[in-house]
N, C-alpha and C. Protein backbone atom coordinates (compact mmCIF):
# COMPACT_ATOMS: atom_id res chain seq x y z
N MET A 1 -9.55 -28.04 -15.75
CA MET A 1 -8.95 -27.18 -16.75
C MET A 1 -8.29 -28.04 -17.83
N ALA A 2 -8.03 -27.43 -18.95
CA ALA A 2 -7.52 -28.14 -20.11
C ALA A 2 -6.08 -28.59 -19.89
N ASP A 3 -5.73 -29.75 -20.48
CA ASP A 3 -4.34 -30.23 -20.42
C ASP A 3 -3.45 -29.39 -21.32
N GLU A 4 -3.92 -29.09 -22.52
CA GLU A 4 -3.18 -28.27 -23.47
C GLU A 4 -3.87 -26.91 -23.58
N PRO A 5 -3.09 -25.85 -23.55
CA PRO A 5 -3.74 -24.54 -23.66
C PRO A 5 -4.38 -24.37 -25.03
N GLY A 6 -5.55 -23.76 -25.01
CA GLY A 6 -6.18 -23.42 -26.27
C GLY A 6 -5.49 -22.20 -26.84
N PRO A 7 -5.64 -21.97 -28.13
CA PRO A 7 -4.94 -20.84 -28.75
C PRO A 7 -5.37 -19.48 -28.19
N ARG A 8 -6.63 -19.33 -27.83
CA ARG A 8 -7.08 -18.04 -27.30
C ARG A 8 -6.54 -17.81 -25.89
N ALA A 9 -6.63 -18.83 -25.04
CA ALA A 9 -6.10 -18.68 -23.68
C ALA A 9 -4.60 -18.45 -23.74
N ASP A 10 -3.92 -19.16 -24.63
CA ASP A 10 -2.49 -18.97 -24.78
C ASP A 10 -2.17 -17.54 -25.23
N ALA A 11 -2.98 -16.99 -26.12
CA ALA A 11 -2.77 -15.62 -26.57
C ALA A 11 -2.95 -14.63 -25.42
N PHE A 12 -3.97 -14.85 -24.58
CA PHE A 12 -4.14 -13.98 -23.41
C PHE A 12 -2.94 -14.10 -22.48
N ALA A 13 -2.45 -15.31 -22.27
CA ALA A 13 -1.29 -15.52 -21.39
C ALA A 13 -0.06 -14.82 -21.96
N ARG A 14 0.14 -14.91 -23.28
CA ARG A 14 1.29 -14.24 -23.89
C ARG A 14 1.16 -12.72 -23.76
N ARG A 15 -0.04 -12.22 -23.90
CA ARG A 15 -0.26 -10.77 -23.73
C ARG A 15 0.01 -10.35 -22.29
N PHE A 16 -0.43 -11.19 -21.34
CA PHE A 16 -0.12 -10.89 -19.94
C PHE A 16 1.39 -10.88 -19.72
N ASP A 17 2.09 -11.90 -20.22
CA ASP A 17 3.54 -11.97 -20.07
C ASP A 17 4.20 -10.70 -20.60
N ALA A 18 3.77 -10.26 -21.77
CA ALA A 18 4.36 -9.06 -22.37
C ALA A 18 4.05 -7.82 -21.54
N ALA A 19 2.81 -7.69 -21.08
CA ALA A 19 2.43 -6.53 -20.27
C ALA A 19 3.19 -6.53 -18.95
N GLN A 20 3.32 -7.69 -18.34
CA GLN A 20 4.03 -7.80 -17.06
C GLN A 20 5.51 -7.50 -17.24
N ALA A 21 6.10 -8.04 -18.31
CA ALA A 21 7.52 -7.78 -18.58
C ALA A 21 7.76 -6.30 -18.82
N SER A 22 6.89 -5.68 -19.58
CA SER A 22 7.02 -4.25 -19.85
C SER A 22 6.85 -3.43 -18.58
N PHE A 23 5.91 -3.83 -17.73
CA PHE A 23 5.70 -3.13 -16.47
C PHE A 23 6.93 -3.28 -15.57
N ILE A 24 7.49 -4.46 -15.52
CA ILE A 24 8.70 -4.70 -14.73
C ILE A 24 9.85 -3.81 -15.24
N GLU A 25 10.01 -3.73 -16.55
CA GLU A 25 11.06 -2.88 -17.12
C GLU A 25 10.85 -1.42 -16.73
N LEU A 26 9.60 -0.97 -16.77
CA LEU A 26 9.30 0.41 -16.36
C LEU A 26 9.69 0.62 -14.90
N ILE A 27 9.29 -0.29 -14.03
CA ILE A 27 9.59 -0.14 -12.61
C ILE A 27 11.10 -0.16 -12.38
N GLU A 28 11.82 -1.05 -13.07
CA GLU A 28 13.28 -1.11 -12.93
C GLU A 28 13.94 0.20 -13.33
N SER A 29 13.36 0.91 -14.28
CA SER A 29 13.97 2.13 -14.81
C SER A 29 13.77 3.36 -13.93
N LEU A 30 12.89 3.28 -12.95
CA LEU A 30 12.55 4.45 -12.15
C LEU A 30 13.67 4.85 -11.19
N THR A 31 13.90 6.15 -11.10
CA THR A 31 14.84 6.67 -10.11
C THR A 31 14.12 6.76 -8.76
N ASP A 32 14.88 6.99 -7.71
CA ASP A 32 14.27 7.16 -6.38
C ASP A 32 13.30 8.35 -6.38
N GLU A 33 13.68 9.40 -7.05
CA GLU A 33 12.80 10.59 -7.13
C GLU A 33 11.50 10.24 -7.85
N GLN A 34 11.60 9.53 -8.96
CA GLN A 34 10.39 9.13 -9.70
C GLN A 34 9.53 8.18 -8.87
N TRP A 35 10.14 7.31 -8.10
CA TRP A 35 9.42 6.36 -7.24
C TRP A 35 8.51 7.10 -6.26
N ARG A 36 8.98 8.26 -5.81
CA ARG A 36 8.23 9.04 -4.83
C ARG A 36 7.28 10.06 -5.46
N ALA A 37 7.30 10.20 -6.78
CA ALA A 37 6.41 11.16 -7.45
C ALA A 37 4.95 10.73 -7.30
N VAL A 38 4.06 11.69 -7.36
CA VAL A 38 2.63 11.39 -7.29
C VAL A 38 2.14 11.04 -8.69
N GLY A 39 1.39 9.95 -8.77
CA GLY A 39 0.86 9.51 -10.05
C GLY A 39 -0.12 10.52 -10.64
N ARG A 40 -0.44 10.33 -11.89
CA ARG A 40 -1.41 11.19 -12.58
C ARG A 40 -2.51 10.32 -13.16
N ASN A 41 -3.71 10.87 -13.22
CA ASN A 41 -4.81 10.13 -13.83
C ASN A 41 -4.47 9.81 -15.28
N TYR A 42 -4.69 8.56 -15.65
CA TYR A 42 -4.47 8.16 -17.03
C TYR A 42 -5.35 6.97 -17.34
N PRO A 43 -6.07 6.96 -18.39
CA PRO A 43 -6.28 8.11 -19.27
C PRO A 43 -7.27 9.11 -18.70
N GLU A 44 -7.99 8.72 -17.67
CA GLU A 44 -8.97 9.59 -17.05
C GLU A 44 -9.22 9.09 -15.63
N ARG A 45 -10.04 9.83 -14.90
CA ARG A 45 -10.41 9.38 -13.55
C ARG A 45 -11.22 8.11 -13.64
N LEU A 46 -10.90 7.16 -12.79
CA LEU A 46 -11.66 5.92 -12.70
C LEU A 46 -12.18 5.76 -11.29
N ASN A 47 -13.32 5.12 -11.16
CA ASN A 47 -13.94 4.91 -9.84
C ASN A 47 -14.11 6.23 -9.11
N ASP A 48 -14.27 7.32 -9.88
CA ASP A 48 -14.46 8.65 -9.32
C ASP A 48 -13.33 9.03 -8.36
N GLU A 49 -12.12 8.59 -8.69
CA GLU A 49 -10.96 8.87 -7.85
C GLU A 49 -9.93 9.69 -8.62
N ASP A 50 -9.32 10.64 -7.94
CA ASP A 50 -8.14 11.29 -8.49
C ASP A 50 -6.93 10.49 -8.01
N GLU A 51 -5.93 10.38 -8.87
CA GLU A 51 -4.73 9.63 -8.51
C GLU A 51 -3.89 10.49 -7.58
N ARG A 52 -3.79 10.06 -6.33
CA ARG A 52 -2.99 10.78 -5.34
C ARG A 52 -1.88 9.91 -4.75
N ARG A 53 -1.81 8.68 -5.21
CA ARG A 53 -0.80 7.76 -4.68
C ARG A 53 0.54 8.03 -5.34
N THR A 54 1.60 7.66 -4.64
CA THR A 54 2.92 7.78 -5.25
C THR A 54 3.09 6.69 -6.30
N VAL A 55 4.05 6.88 -7.16
CA VAL A 55 4.36 5.89 -8.19
C VAL A 55 4.66 4.54 -7.55
N GLY A 56 5.41 4.54 -6.46
CA GLY A 56 5.74 3.28 -5.78
C GLY A 56 4.50 2.57 -5.27
N VAL A 57 3.57 3.32 -4.71
CA VAL A 57 2.33 2.71 -4.20
C VAL A 57 1.49 2.20 -5.38
N ILE A 58 1.48 2.93 -6.47
CA ILE A 58 0.73 2.46 -7.66
C ILE A 58 1.34 1.15 -8.16
N ALA A 59 2.66 1.09 -8.23
CA ALA A 59 3.32 -0.13 -8.69
C ALA A 59 3.00 -1.30 -7.76
N HIS A 60 3.01 -1.06 -6.47
CA HIS A 60 2.66 -2.10 -5.50
C HIS A 60 1.20 -2.52 -5.69
N HIS A 61 0.34 -1.58 -5.91
CA HIS A 61 -1.08 -1.86 -6.15
C HIS A 61 -1.24 -2.82 -7.34
N VAL A 62 -0.53 -2.56 -8.41
CA VAL A 62 -0.59 -3.46 -9.57
C VAL A 62 -0.11 -4.85 -9.18
N ALA A 63 0.99 -4.90 -8.45
CA ALA A 63 1.57 -6.20 -8.07
C ALA A 63 0.62 -7.02 -7.20
N VAL A 64 -0.05 -6.39 -6.25
CA VAL A 64 -0.93 -7.16 -5.37
C VAL A 64 -2.31 -7.37 -5.97
N SER A 65 -2.70 -6.54 -6.91
CA SER A 65 -4.03 -6.67 -7.51
C SER A 65 -4.12 -7.75 -8.57
N THR A 66 -3.03 -8.03 -9.26
CA THR A 66 -3.07 -9.02 -10.33
C THR A 66 -3.55 -10.39 -9.84
N PRO A 67 -2.99 -10.95 -8.77
CA PRO A 67 -3.50 -12.24 -8.29
C PRO A 67 -4.95 -12.14 -7.79
N TRP A 68 -5.32 -11.00 -7.21
CA TRP A 68 -6.68 -10.79 -6.72
C TRP A 68 -7.66 -10.80 -7.89
N ILE A 69 -7.30 -10.11 -8.97
CA ILE A 69 -8.15 -10.08 -10.16
C ILE A 69 -8.28 -11.49 -10.74
N LEU A 70 -7.17 -12.20 -10.83
CA LEU A 70 -7.19 -13.56 -11.36
C LEU A 70 -8.06 -14.47 -10.49
N ASP A 71 -7.98 -14.30 -9.17
CA ASP A 71 -8.81 -15.09 -8.27
C ASP A 71 -10.29 -14.84 -8.52
N ARG A 72 -10.64 -13.61 -8.81
CA ARG A 72 -12.05 -13.28 -9.12
C ARG A 72 -12.47 -13.90 -10.45
N ILE A 73 -11.58 -13.94 -11.41
CA ILE A 73 -11.89 -14.60 -12.68
C ILE A 73 -12.08 -16.10 -12.44
N GLN A 74 -11.21 -16.69 -11.63
CA GLN A 74 -11.35 -18.11 -11.31
C GLN A 74 -12.65 -18.38 -10.57
N ALA A 75 -13.04 -17.49 -9.68
CA ALA A 75 -14.32 -17.64 -8.97
C ALA A 75 -15.48 -17.66 -9.97
N MET A 76 -15.41 -16.79 -10.97
CA MET A 76 -16.44 -16.79 -12.01
C MET A 76 -16.50 -18.15 -12.69
N LEU A 77 -15.34 -18.67 -13.06
CA LEU A 77 -15.28 -19.95 -13.75
C LEU A 77 -15.80 -21.09 -12.87
N ASP A 78 -15.59 -20.98 -11.57
CA ASP A 78 -16.05 -22.00 -10.62
C ASP A 78 -17.52 -21.84 -10.24
N GLY A 79 -18.14 -20.77 -10.74
CA GLY A 79 -19.55 -20.54 -10.43
C GLY A 79 -19.78 -19.88 -9.09
N ARG A 80 -18.71 -19.37 -8.47
CA ARG A 80 -18.87 -18.67 -7.20
C ARG A 80 -19.25 -17.23 -7.46
N PRO A 81 -20.19 -16.69 -6.70
CA PRO A 81 -20.57 -15.28 -6.90
C PRO A 81 -19.42 -14.36 -6.50
N LEU A 82 -19.34 -13.24 -7.19
CA LEU A 82 -18.32 -12.26 -6.87
C LEU A 82 -18.93 -11.22 -5.94
N PRO A 83 -18.44 -11.15 -4.72
CA PRO A 83 -18.97 -10.12 -3.84
C PRO A 83 -18.55 -8.74 -4.33
N PRO A 84 -19.39 -7.76 -4.12
CA PRO A 84 -18.97 -6.40 -4.50
C PRO A 84 -17.70 -6.02 -3.76
N ALA A 85 -16.87 -5.27 -4.43
CA ALA A 85 -15.62 -4.81 -3.82
C ALA A 85 -15.64 -3.29 -3.81
N ASP A 86 -15.43 -2.69 -2.66
CA ASP A 86 -15.34 -1.23 -2.58
C ASP A 86 -13.91 -0.84 -2.94
N ILE A 87 -13.71 -0.62 -4.21
CA ILE A 87 -12.37 -0.36 -4.74
C ILE A 87 -11.73 0.87 -4.09
N ARG A 88 -12.52 1.91 -3.89
CA ARG A 88 -11.95 3.13 -3.29
C ARG A 88 -11.39 2.87 -1.89
N VAL A 89 -12.14 2.12 -1.08
CA VAL A 89 -11.67 1.81 0.27
C VAL A 89 -10.44 0.90 0.19
N ALA A 90 -10.50 -0.12 -0.67
CA ALA A 90 -9.36 -1.03 -0.81
C ALA A 90 -8.11 -0.28 -1.28
N ASN A 91 -8.27 0.62 -2.25
CA ASN A 91 -7.11 1.39 -2.74
C ASN A 91 -6.54 2.29 -1.66
N ALA A 92 -7.40 2.94 -0.90
CA ALA A 92 -6.94 3.84 0.17
C ALA A 92 -6.22 3.05 1.26
N THR A 93 -6.77 1.89 1.62
CA THR A 93 -6.14 1.06 2.65
C THR A 93 -4.77 0.57 2.18
N GLN A 94 -4.72 0.08 0.94
CA GLN A 94 -3.45 -0.40 0.39
C GLN A 94 -2.43 0.72 0.36
N ALA A 95 -2.84 1.92 -0.05
CA ALA A 95 -1.91 3.05 -0.12
C ALA A 95 -1.38 3.41 1.26
N ALA A 96 -2.24 3.42 2.27
CA ALA A 96 -1.81 3.77 3.62
C ALA A 96 -0.88 2.71 4.21
N GLU A 97 -1.21 1.45 3.97
CA GLU A 97 -0.43 0.36 4.55
C GLU A 97 0.92 0.16 3.87
N HIS A 98 1.05 0.63 2.63
CA HIS A 98 2.28 0.37 1.87
C HIS A 98 2.92 1.65 1.35
N ALA A 99 2.75 2.73 2.10
CA ALA A 99 3.29 4.03 1.67
C ALA A 99 4.81 3.99 1.52
N ASP A 100 5.48 3.13 2.26
CA ASP A 100 6.94 3.07 2.22
C ASP A 100 7.47 1.85 1.47
N VAL A 101 6.66 1.28 0.61
CA VAL A 101 7.08 0.09 -0.13
C VAL A 101 8.31 0.42 -0.98
N THR A 102 9.19 -0.55 -1.09
CA THR A 102 10.42 -0.33 -1.86
C THR A 102 10.27 -0.90 -3.28
N LYS A 103 11.09 -0.39 -4.14
CA LYS A 103 11.11 -0.89 -5.51
C LYS A 103 11.51 -2.36 -5.53
N THR A 104 12.44 -2.75 -4.69
CA THR A 104 12.87 -4.15 -4.62
C THR A 104 11.70 -5.06 -4.25
N GLU A 105 10.91 -4.64 -3.26
CA GLU A 105 9.74 -5.44 -2.84
C GLU A 105 8.74 -5.61 -3.99
N VAL A 106 8.48 -4.52 -4.68
CA VAL A 106 7.50 -4.57 -5.78
C VAL A 106 8.02 -5.45 -6.91
N LEU A 107 9.26 -5.29 -7.28
CA LEU A 107 9.82 -6.10 -8.36
C LEU A 107 9.79 -7.58 -8.00
N GLN A 108 10.06 -7.91 -6.76
CA GLN A 108 10.00 -9.31 -6.35
C GLN A 108 8.58 -9.86 -6.51
N LEU A 109 7.58 -9.10 -6.07
CA LEU A 109 6.18 -9.53 -6.22
C LEU A 109 5.83 -9.72 -7.70
N LEU A 110 6.19 -8.75 -8.52
CA LEU A 110 5.87 -8.83 -9.95
C LEU A 110 6.52 -10.04 -10.60
N ARG A 111 7.78 -10.30 -10.28
CA ARG A 111 8.49 -11.43 -10.88
C ARG A 111 7.94 -12.77 -10.39
N GLU A 112 7.62 -12.85 -9.10
CA GLU A 112 7.11 -14.10 -8.54
C GLU A 112 5.76 -14.50 -9.11
N GLN A 113 4.93 -13.53 -9.43
CA GLN A 113 3.58 -13.87 -9.89
C GLN A 113 3.49 -14.11 -11.39
N ARG A 114 4.48 -13.72 -12.13
CA ARG A 114 4.39 -13.78 -13.59
C ARG A 114 4.09 -15.19 -14.11
N GLN A 115 4.87 -16.17 -13.72
CA GLN A 115 4.67 -17.53 -14.22
C GLN A 115 3.36 -18.14 -13.72
N PRO A 116 3.03 -18.05 -12.42
CA PRO A 116 1.77 -18.65 -11.97
C PRO A 116 0.53 -18.02 -12.61
N VAL A 117 0.56 -16.71 -12.82
CA VAL A 117 -0.59 -16.06 -13.45
C VAL A 117 -0.69 -16.50 -14.91
N SER A 118 0.42 -16.54 -15.62
CA SER A 118 0.41 -17.00 -17.02
C SER A 118 -0.13 -18.42 -17.11
N ALA A 119 0.34 -19.29 -16.21
CA ALA A 119 -0.11 -20.69 -16.22
C ALA A 119 -1.61 -20.78 -15.95
N ALA A 120 -2.10 -19.98 -15.02
CA ALA A 120 -3.54 -20.01 -14.71
C ALA A 120 -4.37 -19.53 -15.89
N ILE A 121 -3.88 -18.53 -16.59
CA ILE A 121 -4.60 -18.06 -17.78
C ILE A 121 -4.61 -19.14 -18.85
N ARG A 122 -3.47 -19.75 -19.08
CA ARG A 122 -3.38 -20.82 -20.09
C ARG A 122 -4.28 -22.00 -19.75
N ALA A 123 -4.56 -22.20 -18.47
CA ALA A 123 -5.38 -23.33 -18.04
C ALA A 123 -6.88 -23.10 -18.26
N ILE A 124 -7.25 -21.91 -18.64
CA ILE A 124 -8.67 -21.64 -18.91
C ILE A 124 -9.03 -22.24 -20.26
N PRO A 125 -10.00 -23.14 -20.30
CA PRO A 125 -10.40 -23.72 -21.59
C PRO A 125 -10.94 -22.64 -22.53
N ASP A 126 -10.53 -22.68 -23.78
CA ASP A 126 -10.99 -21.69 -24.75
C ASP A 126 -12.52 -21.62 -24.82
N ASP A 127 -13.19 -22.77 -24.64
CA ASP A 127 -14.64 -22.76 -24.75
C ASP A 127 -15.32 -22.06 -23.57
N ARG A 128 -14.56 -21.73 -22.54
CA ARG A 128 -15.11 -20.99 -21.40
C ARG A 128 -14.88 -19.48 -21.51
N LEU A 129 -14.02 -19.06 -22.43
CA LEU A 129 -13.68 -17.65 -22.52
C LEU A 129 -14.87 -16.76 -22.88
N ASP A 130 -15.80 -17.28 -23.68
CA ASP A 130 -16.94 -16.47 -24.09
C ASP A 130 -18.13 -16.61 -23.15
N GLN A 131 -17.98 -17.41 -22.12
CA GLN A 131 -19.06 -17.61 -21.17
C GLN A 131 -19.28 -16.32 -20.40
N ALA A 132 -20.51 -15.79 -20.51
CA ALA A 132 -20.86 -14.58 -19.78
C ALA A 132 -21.30 -14.97 -18.37
N LEU A 133 -20.69 -14.33 -17.41
CA LEU A 133 -20.98 -14.60 -16.02
C LEU A 133 -21.32 -13.30 -15.31
N GLU A 134 -22.06 -13.40 -14.24
CA GLU A 134 -22.46 -12.22 -13.50
C GLU A 134 -21.28 -11.67 -12.70
N THR A 135 -21.13 -10.36 -12.75
CA THR A 135 -20.11 -9.67 -11.96
C THR A 135 -20.81 -8.50 -11.26
N PRO A 136 -20.17 -7.89 -10.28
CA PRO A 136 -20.79 -6.72 -9.65
C PRO A 136 -21.10 -5.59 -10.63
N ALA A 137 -20.41 -5.58 -11.78
CA ALA A 137 -20.64 -4.55 -12.81
C ALA A 137 -21.61 -5.02 -13.88
N GLY A 138 -22.20 -6.19 -13.70
CA GLY A 138 -23.11 -6.75 -14.70
C GLY A 138 -22.46 -7.91 -15.43
N PRO A 139 -23.20 -8.55 -16.34
CA PRO A 139 -22.66 -9.71 -17.04
C PRO A 139 -21.42 -9.35 -17.86
N MET A 140 -20.44 -10.23 -17.79
CA MET A 140 -19.21 -10.03 -18.55
C MET A 140 -18.62 -11.41 -18.83
N SER A 141 -18.07 -11.57 -20.02
CA SER A 141 -17.44 -12.85 -20.35
C SER A 141 -16.07 -12.94 -19.68
N VAL A 142 -15.57 -14.15 -19.59
CA VAL A 142 -14.24 -14.37 -19.03
C VAL A 142 -13.21 -13.63 -19.89
N ALA A 143 -13.36 -13.69 -21.20
CA ALA A 143 -12.43 -12.98 -22.09
C ALA A 143 -12.47 -11.48 -21.83
N GLN A 144 -13.66 -10.93 -21.62
CA GLN A 144 -13.77 -9.50 -21.31
C GLN A 144 -13.09 -9.16 -19.99
N ARG A 145 -13.22 -10.04 -19.01
CA ARG A 145 -12.56 -9.80 -17.72
C ARG A 145 -11.03 -9.84 -17.89
N LEU A 146 -10.55 -10.79 -18.68
CA LEU A 146 -9.11 -10.84 -18.93
C LEU A 146 -8.64 -9.58 -19.64
N GLU A 147 -9.38 -9.18 -20.66
CA GLU A 147 -9.00 -8.01 -21.47
C GLU A 147 -9.12 -6.71 -20.69
N ARG A 148 -10.30 -6.44 -20.19
CA ARG A 148 -10.59 -5.15 -19.59
C ARG A 148 -10.05 -5.02 -18.17
N VAL A 149 -10.14 -6.09 -17.40
CA VAL A 149 -9.80 -5.97 -15.99
C VAL A 149 -8.35 -6.37 -15.74
N LEU A 150 -7.94 -7.55 -16.13
CA LEU A 150 -6.57 -7.99 -15.84
C LEU A 150 -5.55 -7.19 -16.66
N LEU A 151 -5.65 -7.26 -17.98
CA LEU A 151 -4.69 -6.54 -18.82
C LEU A 151 -4.92 -5.03 -18.76
N GLY A 152 -6.17 -4.62 -18.75
CA GLY A 152 -6.49 -3.19 -18.69
C GLY A 152 -5.97 -2.52 -17.44
N HIS A 153 -6.00 -3.24 -16.33
CA HIS A 153 -5.52 -2.69 -15.06
C HIS A 153 -4.02 -2.39 -15.13
N ILE A 154 -3.26 -3.30 -15.67
CA ILE A 154 -1.81 -3.09 -15.80
C ILE A 154 -1.54 -1.88 -16.70
N GLU A 155 -2.22 -1.85 -17.84
CA GLU A 155 -1.96 -0.77 -18.80
C GLU A 155 -2.41 0.59 -18.27
N MET A 156 -3.54 0.64 -17.58
CA MET A 156 -4.02 1.91 -17.03
C MET A 156 -3.01 2.47 -16.03
N HIS A 157 -2.55 1.61 -15.13
CA HIS A 157 -1.62 2.10 -14.12
C HIS A 157 -0.23 2.36 -14.69
N ARG A 158 0.13 1.64 -15.71
CA ARG A 158 1.38 1.94 -16.42
C ARG A 158 1.29 3.37 -16.97
N GLY A 159 0.16 3.70 -17.56
CA GLY A 159 -0.06 5.05 -18.09
C GLY A 159 0.01 6.11 -17.01
N SER A 160 -0.55 5.80 -15.84
CA SER A 160 -0.51 6.75 -14.72
C SER A 160 0.92 7.00 -14.27
N ILE A 161 1.71 5.95 -14.22
CA ILE A 161 3.12 6.09 -13.82
C ILE A 161 3.89 6.87 -14.89
N GLU A 162 3.69 6.52 -16.16
CA GLU A 162 4.40 7.22 -17.23
C GLU A 162 4.03 8.69 -17.28
N ALA A 163 2.75 9.00 -17.04
CA ALA A 163 2.32 10.40 -17.02
C ALA A 163 2.98 11.16 -15.88
N ALA A 164 3.20 10.48 -14.77
CA ALA A 164 3.82 11.14 -13.60
C ALA A 164 5.30 11.37 -13.78
N VAL A 165 5.99 10.45 -14.44
CA VAL A 165 7.45 10.57 -14.54
C VAL A 165 7.90 11.18 -15.85
N GLY A 166 6.94 11.42 -16.77
CA GLY A 166 7.20 12.12 -18.02
C GLY A 166 8.19 11.47 -18.90
């Protein structure tokens, strides 16, 4: 990886930092009642799933998924194939296993991952961002994965939480 971040990778890292900080602020602002509210689809159904998880479980999902998504991006960069992931099964398992997750636990996860994820994004050489690599959804560039999957995931679930708590 590059010694100095390229301007594009740095911009993605700054966008991640801002999205993560905003998500943390949202989670900090939630009342206990809002934490237990059921999320709402936002902006629409994805993966043919209706949002039935509580806000707390959705927040935990974001916290544990960010490093997983980044690992898949790193696998692409390393030339490792991405195995298909059954997102519906993974989401259901995560929701069942973490139904009682606390806001404190989620905030700790979000805060702990912020710097390492930003650093990993900055370490991606700018000349690799446009490299199209095979994914289970078809060819996608590293930049597209950062935009649509990493950043998009945070924003989509932020919208689901905001729709639920009004």
